[in-house]
Amino acid sequence: MHARVTQFHLLHGKSEEFAKAVESLLPLARQQKGFRGLFVLHTHATDPIEVQVISLWDSLDALNESEKNLYFYQALSRVQGFAQGFPSIHVHQVLMGEYEKG
């Protein structure tokens, strides 16, 4: 499994709008081959607020394929208006993970 970690610096007062924009992308994300999940993490301890969007993928190939179609660029364009500058984007291999819904 692989993860794309995209870090944003949000404009003041835009956390809720950013979260709603990311949530609106979930139906499109679920249609992508190999998509396995998404987490949005943020901290209030910084100014501007730092947000990390972590998307999980079956494989590096699936992650890379998501960048070759409009999905990735539609996602960036929907959330970029709530952020300062362009986000930093990193790809990681997931060594271990567990999540229990409940």
Protein backbone atom coordinates (compact mmCIF):
# COMPACT_ATOMS: atom_id res chain seq x y z
CA MET A 1 0.00 0.00 0.00
CA HIS A 2 1.14 3.55 -0.76
CA ALA A 3 0.10 6.98 0.49
CA ARG A 4 0.15 10.41 -1.07
CA VAL A 5 0.64 13.05 1.62
CA THR A 6 -0.32 16.54 0.48
CA GLN A 7 0.42 19.37 2.90
CA PHE A 8 -1.46 22.66 2.71
CA HIS A 9 -1.21 25.93 4.63
CA LEU A 10 -4.77 27.17 5.00
CA LEU A 11 -5.98 30.72 4.78
CA HIS A 12 -7.31 32.07 8.08
CA GLY A 13 -10.86 30.88 8.81
CA LYS A 14 -11.00 28.42 5.91
CA SER A 15 -10.68 25.07 7.75
CA GLU A 16 -14.37 24.12 7.54
CA GLU A 17 -14.65 25.12 3.88
CA PHE A 18 -11.50 23.15 3.09
CA ALA A 19 -12.88 20.06 4.85
CA LYS A 20 -16.19 20.33 2.97
CA ALA A 21 -14.35 20.67 -0.35
CA VAL A 22 -12.28 17.55 0.39
CA GLU A 23 -15.41 15.66 1.47
CA SER A 24 -17.11 16.60 -1.81
CA LEU A 25 -14.26 14.81 -3.64
CA LEU A 26 -14.84 11.43 -1.98
CA PRO A 27 -17.32 10.08 -4.56
CA LEU A 28 -14.83 10.84 -7.33
CA ALA A 29 -11.93 9.37 -5.32
CA ARG A 30 -13.86 6.14 -4.72
CA GLN A 31 -14.13 5.69 -8.51
CA GLN A 32 -10.34 5.62 -8.88
CA LYS A 33 -8.78 2.20 -9.34
CA GLY A 34 -6.84 1.21 -6.23
CA PHE A 35 -8.18 3.97 -3.95
CA ARG A 36 -8.43 2.71 -0.36
CA GLY A 37 -9.12 5.70 1.86
CA LEU A 38 -8.50 9.27 2.86
CA PHE A 39 -7.59 11.11 6.05
CA VAL A 40 -7.41 14.87 6.64
CA LEU A 41 -5.26 15.97 9.58
CA HIS A 42 -4.70 19.49 10.86
CA THR A 43 -3.20 21.39 13.73
CA HIS A 44 -4.46 24.56 15.36
CA ALA A 45 -1.04 25.21 16.86
CA THR A 46 0.39 26.87 13.77
CA ASP A 47 -0.42 30.02 11.87
CA PRO A 48 -1.28 29.43 9.13
CA ILE A 49 -2.99 26.15 9.98
CA GLU A 50 -1.19 23.17 8.47
CA VAL A 51 -3.34 20.46 6.94
CA GLN A 52 -2.23 17.11 5.60
CA VAL A 53 -4.43 15.12 3.24
CA ILE A 54 -3.39 11.47 3.19
CA SER A 55 -4.82 9.31 0.43
CA LEU A 56 -4.21 5.56 0.51
CA TRP A 57 -3.72 3.42 -2.58
CA ASP A 58 -3.33 -0.32 -3.27
CA SER A 59 -0.08 0.20 -5.10
CA LEU A 60 2.35 2.79 -6.38
CA ASP A 61 1.00 2.15 -9.88
CA ALA A 62 -2.56 2.97 -8.76
CA LEU A 63 -1.36 6.15 -7.04
CA ASN A 64 0.57 7.22 -10.13
CA GLU A 65 -2.38 6.45 -12.42
CA SER A 66 -4.58 8.76 -10.32
CA GLU A 67 -2.24 11.60 -11.29
CA LYS A 68 -2.59 10.86 -15.01
CA ASN A 69 -6.31 11.57 -15.19
CA LEU A 70 -8.39 14.59 -14.26
CA TYR A 71 -9.22 13.32 -10.74
CA PHE A 72 -6.02 14.58 -9.12
CA TYR A 73 -6.17 17.98 -10.81
CA GLN A 74 -9.88 18.44 -10.06
CA ALA A 75 -9.14 17.65 -6.42
CA LEU A 76 -6.31 20.17 -6.23
CA SER A 77 -8.34 22.90 -7.91
CA ARG A 78 -11.28 22.46 -5.50
CA VAL A 79 -9.18 22.88 -2.37
CA GLN A 80 -6.43 25.23 -3.56
CA GLY A 81 -8.63 28.29 -3.12
CA PHE A 82 -8.57 27.79 0.65
CA ALA A 83 -4.78 27.53 0.90
CA GLN A 84 -1.72 29.74 0.71
CA GLY A 85 0.66 28.81 -2.08
CA PHE A 86 0.98 25.43 -3.72
CA PRO A 87 0.93 22.33 -1.49
CA SER A 88 3.90 20.05 -0.95
CA ILE A 89 3.24 16.51 -2.17
CA HIS A 90 5.09 13.38 -1.09
CA VAL A 91 4.59 9.69 -1.77
CA HIS A 92 5.29 7.08 0.89
CA GLN A 93 5.10 3.32 1.16
CA VAL A 94 2.84 2.27 4.04
CA LEU A 95 4.79 -0.13 6.22
CA MET A 96 2.00 -0.81 8.70
CA GLY A 97 -1.44 0.48 9.48
CA GLU A 98 -4.72 -0.33 11.16
CA TYR A 99 -7.95 1.59 11.44
CA GLU A 100 -11.10 0.45 13.15
CA LYS A 101 -14.29 2.27 12.28
CA GLY A 102 -16.55 2.79 15.19
